[in-house]
Protein backbone atom coordinates (compact mmCIF):
# COMPACT_ATOMS: atom_id res chain seq x y z
CA UNK A 1 7.02 19.58 -6.42
CA UNK A 2 7.39 18.37 -8.83
CA UNK A 3 9.81 19.60 -11.31
CA UNK A 4 10.19 17.38 -14.28
CA UNK A 5 7.58 16.89 -17.25
CA UNK A 6 6.91 13.10 -16.05
CA UNK A 7 6.55 14.37 -12.27
CA UNK A 8 4.01 16.78 -13.57
CA UNK A 9 2.29 14.65 -15.25
CA UNK A 10 1.58 12.03 -12.73
CA UNK A 11 0.49 15.12 -10.48
CA UNK A 12 -2.38 15.56 -12.63
CA UNK A 13 -2.90 12.39 -13.64
CA UNK A 14 -3.35 11.92 -9.45
CA UNK A 15 -5.25 14.72 -8.66
CA UNK A 16 -8.13 13.33 -11.60
CA UNK A 17 -8.06 10.17 -10.48
CA UNK A 18 -7.90 11.60 -6.50
CA UNK A 19 -11.34 13.81 -7.73
CA UNK A 20 -13.29 10.47 -9.84
CA UNK A 21 -12.73 7.82 -7.20
CA UNK A 22 -13.84 10.42 -4.94
CA UNK A 23 -17.28 10.40 -7.02
CA UNK A 24 -17.09 6.72 -7.01
CA UNK A 25 -16.79 6.28 -3.57
CA UNK A 26 -19.85 9.01 -2.88
CA UNK A 27 -22.20 7.64 -4.90
CA UNK A 28 -21.56 3.83 -3.34
CA UNK A 29 -22.36 5.51 -0.14
CA UNK A 30 -25.24 7.43 -1.37
CA UNK A 31 -26.67 4.24 -1.84
CA UNK A 32 -26.06 2.54 1.11
CA UNK A 33 -28.17 5.53 2.48
CA UNK A 34 -30.81 4.93 0.63
CA UNK A 35 -31.32 1.12 1.81
CA UNK A 36 -30.65 1.67 5.73
CA UNK A 37 -33.55 4.87 4.95
CA UNK A 38 -35.70 3.06 4.04
CA UNK A 39 -34.76 0.20 6.31
CA UNK A 40 -35.64 2.80 9.16
CA UNK A 41 -38.56 3.85 7.95
CA UNK A 42 -40.15 0.56 8.03
CA UNK A 43 -41.10 0.20 4.59
CA UNK A 44 -40.20 -2.67 3.14
CA UNK A 45 -40.64 -2.66 -0.72
CA UNK A 46 -38.93 0.84 -0.53
CA UNK A 47 -36.20 -1.14 1.24
CA UNK A 48 -35.68 -4.06 -1.18
CA UNK A 49 -35.93 -1.74 -4.24
CA UNK A 50 -33.82 0.69 -3.58
CA UNK A 51 -31.17 -2.47 -2.15
CA UNK A 52 -31.67 -4.23 -5.90
CA UNK A 53 -30.70 0.23 -7.30
CA UNK A 54 -28.08 -0.40 -4.74
CA UNK A 55 -26.60 -3.96 -5.43
CA UNK A 56 -24.97 -3.73 -9.05
CA UNK A 57 -23.35 -0.23 -7.80
CA UNK A 58 -21.59 -1.46 -4.41
CA UNK A 59 -20.05 -4.39 -7.26
CA UNK A 60 -19.04 -1.69 -9.95
CA UNK A 61 -17.93 0.22 -7.01
CA UNK A 62 -15.66 -3.36 -6.07
CA UNK A 63 -14.64 -4.09 -9.47
CA UNK A 64 -12.97 -0.81 -10.01
CA UNK A 65 -10.81 -1.68 -7.17
CA UNK A 66 -12.34 1.31 -4.79
CA UNK A 67 -13.76 -1.01 -1.99
CA UNK A 68 -12.17 -4.78 -0.88
CA UNK A 69 -14.63 -7.72 -2.25
CA UNK A 70 -14.86 -8.04 1.26
CA UNK A 71 -16.39 -5.33 2.02
CA UNK A 72 -18.59 -5.28 -0.82
CA UNK A 73 -20.41 -8.69 0.72
CA UNK A 74 -20.01 -7.24 3.97
CA UNK A 75 -22.27 -4.20 3.13
CA UNK A 76 -24.62 -6.80 0.87
CA UNK A 77 -24.65 -9.49 3.73
CA UNK A 78 -25.64 -6.66 6.50
CA UNK A 79 -28.30 -4.26 4.12
CA UNK A 80 -29.89 -7.66 3.69
CA UNK A 81 -30.18 -9.32 6.48
CA UNK A 82 -31.59 -6.00 8.03
CA UNK A 83 -34.37 -6.31 5.52
CA UNK A 84 -35.27 -9.69 6.60
CA UNK A 85 -35.45 -9.12 9.67
CA UNK A 86 -38.00 -6.34 8.72
CA UNK A 87 -40.52 -8.99 8.21
């Protein structure tokens, strides 16, 4: 348990950051799932629209340090490849 005022403050900040990061990570996963569901549904135009909405979310999650840039690139690449394969 935190005893010093500094340690108590750091514990409070860590909890706030954890909750904020959790919401951002959840948003990232939600937007990726929207693309996957559109692809599974077979609607190419909806999948392309969902992908266009997902790319900025993936990039912002990466720039905030929640995911690595290679993970962001991998997600975008795989989603885009699946959309292109629908044709």
